[in-house]
């Protein structure tokens, strides 16, 4: 049971790592979508604010109209009282009371619309500021990622080019070694050919009774005489 528990935990860990890897890989896309979602919500909030402001204006206009009617009927009621028409004055008073109740209702609605509009206006202002800041951060992150991607590509190309250059240099050194070996072989073959040619010539001279560089006794004696004869001549001249 303990082994199965560990296997399940390992699978859950692998799933979490895979999910995090997918999220990291799509981070910018997710951020863009979140910005778009926030912008859509902001648009909906602006539409709601527009509706609230319109209702506030309508309620305000109703309040103005009701106040005008109340003032008008109050004037009528005063005139009826001045003419001692109590019945008409009471009827007008009932009308005024009904208008004032309507006015209170519309005034409460107006105040509620105005309060909600102010709250929503502040929320929209804050949300708009947050979205602008988020867009700026997303742009910064995207620019940074583009720079890092370019740097990684340059580094990869440099690494690849360095490896290729190293391989090319190794190949060049091997070619040079082979060329030097061939030159040495050519020189050795030429020297060997010259030695063989000299040996052949010497053999032919020796066969003909001619030994290059060797001296016979007659040549040696002639050379010695050429050195001794002048001295003998000089000595005979002295004796005379």
Protein backbone atom coordinates (compact mmCIF):
# COMPACT_ATOMS: atom_id res chain seq x y z
CA UNK A 1 0.00 0.00 0.00
CA UNK A 2 2.88 2.31 0.81
CA UNK A 3 4.42 1.68 -2.63
CA UNK A 4 1.14 2.49 -4.41
CA UNK A 5 0.82 5.67 -2.38
CA UNK A 6 4.31 6.73 -3.39
CA UNK A 7 3.58 5.93 -7.04
CA UNK A 8 0.40 8.02 -6.96
CA UNK A 9 2.29 10.88 -5.29
CA UNK A 10 5.00 10.65 -7.95
CA UNK A 11 2.39 10.72 -10.73
CA UNK A 12 0.72 13.74 -9.15
CA UNK A 13 4.08 15.46 -8.89
CA UNK A 14 4.83 14.72 -12.53
CA UNK A 15 1.42 16.04 -13.54
CA UNK A 16 2.00 19.25 -11.58
CA UNK A 17 5.44 19.71 -13.16
CA UNK A 18 3.97 19.13 -16.62
CA UNK A 19 1.19 21.62 -15.90
CA UNK A 20 3.68 24.20 -14.66
CA UNK A 21 5.86 23.65 -17.72
CA UNK A 22 2.87 24.17 -20.00
CA UNK A 23 1.85 27.30 -18.10
CA UNK A 24 5.41 28.67 -18.27
CA UNK A 25 5.60 27.94 -21.99
CA UNK A 26 2.31 29.79 -22.58
CA UNK A 27 2.91 32.50 -19.97
CA UNK A 28 2.80 35.42 -22.40
CA UNK A 29 -0.25 34.07 -24.18
CA UNK A 30 -1.99 33.66 -20.84
CA UNK A 31 -1.03 37.19 -19.82
CA UNK A 32 -2.35 38.57 -23.09
CA UNK A 33 -5.63 36.75 -22.61
CA UNK A 34 -5.90 37.99 -19.03
CA UNK A 35 -5.34 41.54 -20.25
CA UNK A 36 -8.05 41.08 -22.88
CA UNK A 37 -10.43 39.64 -20.27
CA UNK A 38 -9.74 42.57 -17.96
CA UNK A 39 -10.32 44.99 -20.84
CA UNK A 40 -13.66 43.31 -21.62
CA UNK A 41 -14.70 43.57 -17.97
CA UNK A 42 -13.64 47.21 -17.98
CA UNK A 43 -15.77 47.83 -21.07
CA UNK A 44 -18.75 46.17 -19.36
CA UNK A 45 -18.17 48.34 -16.30
CA UNK A 46 -18.12 51.46 -18.46
CA UNK A 47 -21.39 50.39 -20.05
CA UNK A 48 -22.87 49.93 -16.56
CA UNK A 49 -21.56 53.35 -15.54
CA UNK A 50 -23.16 54.89 -18.61
CA UNK A 51 -26.48 53.30 -17.68
CA UNK A 52 -26.21 54.48 -14.06
CA UNK A 53 -25.39 58.01 -15.16
CA UNK A 54 -28.37 57.97 -17.53
CA UNK A 55 -30.70 56.78 -14.75
CA UNK A 56 -29.25 59.42 -12.46
CA UNK A 57 -30.02 62.09 -15.03
CA UNK A 58 -33.57 60.80 -15.50
CA UNK A 59 -34.16 60.74 -11.73
CA UNK A 60 -32.68 64.21 -11.44
CA UNK A 61 -35.00 65.50 -14.14
CA UNK A 62 -37.98 63.87 -12.42
CA UNK A 63 -36.99 65.54 -9.15
CA UNK A 64 -36.80 68.90 -10.91
CA UNK A 65 -40.23 68.32 -12.47
CA UNK A 66 -41.78 67.20 -9.17
CA UNK A 67 -40.32 70.19 -7.32
CA UNK A 68 -41.78 72.43 -9.97
CA UNK A 69 -45.23 70.82 -9.64
CA UNK A 70 -45.07 70.93 -5.86
CA UNK A 71 -44.29 74.63 -5.98
CA UNK A 72 -47.12 75.17 -8.45
CA UNK A 73 -49.70 73.31 -6.35
CA UNK A 74 -48.52 75.00 -3.18
CA UNK A 75 -49.24 78.31 -4.85
CA UNK A 76 -52.70 77.07 -5.80
CA UNK A 77 -53.36 75.86 -2.27
CA UNK A 78 -52.32 79.23 -0.81
CA UNK A 79 -54.65 80.99 -3.20
CA UNK A 80 -57.50 78.63 -2.18
CA UNK A 81 -56.83 79.34 1.50
CA UNK A 82 -56.77 83.05 0.78
CA UNK A 83 -60.26 82.62 -0.70
CA UNK A 84 -61.36 80.55 2.30
CA UNK A 85 -61.89 77.51 0.04
CA UNK A 86 -60.92 74.86 2.62
CA UNK A 87 -62.12 71.95 0.51
CA UNK A 88 -60.04 72.94 -2.52
CA UNK A 89 -57.07 73.70 -0.33
CA UNK A 90 -57.30 70.22 1.23
CA UNK A 91 -57.55 68.58 -2.15
CA UNK A 92 -54.49 70.52 -3.31
CA UNK A 93 -52.68 69.55 -0.11
CA UNK A 94 -53.35 65.88 -0.83
CA UNK A 95 -51.95 66.38 -4.34
CA UNK A 96 -48.87 68.09 -2.89
CA UNK A 97 -48.35 65.23 -0.40
CA UNK A 98 -48.52 62.68 -3.22
CA UNK A 99 -46.00 64.70 -5.26
CA UNK A 100 -43.67 65.01 -2.27
CA UNK A 101 -43.82 61.23 -1.75
CA UNK A 102 -42.91 60.75 -5.41
CA UNK A 103 -40.16 63.32 -4.98
CA UNK A 104 -38.73 61.43 -1.98
CA UNK A 105 -38.74 58.18 -3.97
CA UNK A 106 -37.07 59.76 -6.98
CA UNK A 107 -34.59 61.60 -4.78
CA UNK A 108 -33.60 58.32 -3.09
CA UNK A 109 -33.23 56.69 -6.51
CA UNK A 110 -31.17 59.63 -7.74
CA UNK A 111 -28.91 59.53 -4.69
CA UNK A 112 -28.48 55.76 -5.10
CA UNK A 113 -27.60 56.09 -8.76
CA UNK A 114 -25.18 58.91 -8.00
CA UNK A 115 -23.48 56.95 -5.20
CA UNK A 116 -23.18 53.79 -7.30
CA UNK A 117 -21.92 55.79 -10.26
CA UNK A 118 -19.20 57.39 -8.12
CA UNK A 119 -18.12 54.01 -6.75
CA UNK A 120 -18.11 52.43 -10.19
CA UNK A 121 -16.27 55.44 -11.65
CA UNK A 122 -13.50 55.04 -9.06
CA UNK A 123 -13.36 51.29 -9.68
CA UNK A 124 -13.10 51.87 -13.43
CA UNK A 125 -10.34 54.41 -12.91
CA UNK A 126 -8.40 51.95 -10.75
CA UNK A 127 -9.01 49.07 -13.15
CA UNK A 128 -7.91 51.18 -16.11
CA UNK A 129 -4.72 52.09 -14.27
CA UNK A 130 -4.10 48.42 -13.42
CA UNK A 131 -4.66 47.33 -17.01
CA UNK A 132 -2.27 49.97 -18.32
CA UNK A 133 0.36 48.89 -15.80
CA UNK A 134 -0.24 45.23 -16.67
CA UNK A 135 0.09 45.97 -20.40
CA UNK A 136 3.33 47.79 -19.74
CA UNK A 137 4.65 44.84 -17.74
CA UNK A 138 3.58 42.40 -20.45
CA UNK A 139 5.36 44.52 -23.07
CA UNK A 140 8.46 44.59 -20.88
CA UNK A 141 8.35 40.83 -20.35
CA UNK A 142 7.80 40.23 -24.07
CA UNK A 143 10.70 42.52 -25.00
CA UNK A 144 12.94 40.80 -22.44
CA UNK A 145 11.96 37.37 -23.75
CA UNK A 146 12.65 38.46 -27.34
CA UNK A 147 16.08 39.74 -26.30
CA UNK A 148 16.84 36.54 -24.39
CA UNK A 149 15.62 34.42 -27.30
CA UNK A 150 17.92 36.36 -29.65
CA UNK A 151 20.82 36.01 -27.22
CA UNK A 152 20.18 32.28 -26.94
CA UNK A 153 20.11 31.97 -30.73
CA UNK A 154 23.36 33.91 -31.04
CA UNK A 155 24.96 31.82 -28.31
CA UNK A 156 23.78 28.63 -29.98
CA UNK A 157 25.04 29.76 -33.37
CA UNK A 158 28.35 30.81 -31.81
CA UNK A 159 28.65 27.46 -30.07
CA UNK A 160 27.82 25.66 -33.30
CA UNK A 161 30.22 27.79 -35.32
CA UNK A 162 32.97 27.29 -32.72
CA UNK A 163 32.44 23.55 -32.86
CA UNK A 164 32.45 23.61 -36.66
CA UNK A 165 35.55 25.80 -36.65
CA UNK A 166 37.30 23.41 -34.28
CA UNK A 167 36.37 20.50 -36.51
CA UNK A 168 37.59 22.38 -39.58
CA UNK A 169 40.90 23.22 -37.87
CA UNK A 170 41.35 19.58 -36.90
CA UNK A 171 40.67 18.54 -40.50
CA UNK A 172 43.15 21.14 -41.75
CA UNK A 173 45.83 19.89 -39.36
CA UNK A 174 45.27 16.32 -40.55
CA UNK A 175 45.56 17.43 -44.18
CA UNK A 176 48.79 19.31 -43.41
CA UNK A 177 50.21 16.28 -41.64
CA UNK A 178 49.34 14.10 -44.64
CA UNK A 179 50.96 16.61 -47.00
CA UNK A 180 54.13 16.76 -44.88
CA UNK A 181 54.23 12.96 -44.81
CA UNK A 182 53.90 12.82 -48.60
CA UNK A 183 56.66 15.43 -49.03
CA UNK A 184 58.91 13.40 -46.73
CA UNK A 185 58.12 10.28 -48.76
CA UNK A 186 58.91 12.10 -52.02
CA UNK A 187 62.23 13.39 -50.62
CA UNK A 188 63.15 9.96 -49.31
CA UNK A 189 62.35 8.37 -52.66
CA UNK A 190 64.44 11.00 -54.46
CA UNK A 191 67.40 10.46 -52.14
CA UNK A 192 67.06 6.75 -52.53
CA UNK A 193 67.00 7.13 -56.30
CA UNK A 194 70.14 9.31 -56.21
CA UNK A 195 71.93 6.79 -53.99
CA UNK A 196 71.00 4.00 -56.33
CA UNK A 197 72.20 6.07 -59.31
CA UNK A 198 75.56 6.83 -57.61
CA UNK A 199 76.06 3.20 -56.67
CA UNK A 200 75.33 2.11 -60.23
CA UNK A 201 77.78 4.62 -61.63
CA UNK A 202 80.48 3.58 -59.17
CA UNK A 203 79.94 -0.05 -60.06
CA UNK A 204 80.32 0.76 -63.74
CA UNK A 205 83.53 2.78 -63.13
CA UNK A 206 84.96 0.04 -60.98
CA UNK A 207 84.18 -2.52 -63.66
CA UNK A 208 86.04 -0.33 -66.14
CA UNK A 209 89.09 -0.19 -63.88
CA UNK A 210 88.37 3.37 -62.84
CA UNK A 211 87.94 4.06 -59.18
CA UNK A 212 86.67 7.61 -58.56
CA UNK A 213 88.67 9.44 -55.95
CA UNK A 214 91.39 6.73 -55.60
CA UNK A 215 95.09 7.29 -56.43
CA UNK A 216 97.61 4.85 -57.95
CA UNK A 217 101.29 4.73 -56.99
CA UNK A 218 102.45 6.49 -60.16
CA UNK A 219 100.30 9.51 -59.42
CA UNK A 220 101.50 9.64 -55.85
CA UNK A 221 105.19 9.38 -56.90
CA UNK A 222 104.74 12.11 -59.52
CA UNK A 223 103.22 14.41 -56.90
CA UNK A 224 106.10 13.72 -54.51
CA UNK A 225 108.67 14.38 -57.21
CA UNK A 226 107.07 17.71 -58.01
CA UNK A 227 107.66 18.70 -54.41
CA UNK A 228 111.21 17.35 -54.16
CA UNK A 229 112.68 18.44 -57.55
CA UNK A 230 112.72 22.21 -56.87
CA UNK A 231 114.60 21.65 -53.62
CA UNK A 232 117.24 19.52 -55.39
CA UNK A 233 117.76 22.26 -57.94
CA UNK A 234 118.18 24.89 -55.25
CA UNK A 235 120.70 22.77 -53.34
CA UNK A 236 122.94 22.22 -56.46
CA UNK A 237 122.99 25.96 -57.05
CA UNK A 238 124.17 26.57 -53.55
CA UNK A 239 126.96 23.98 -53.91
CA UNK A 240 128.40 25.79 -56.97
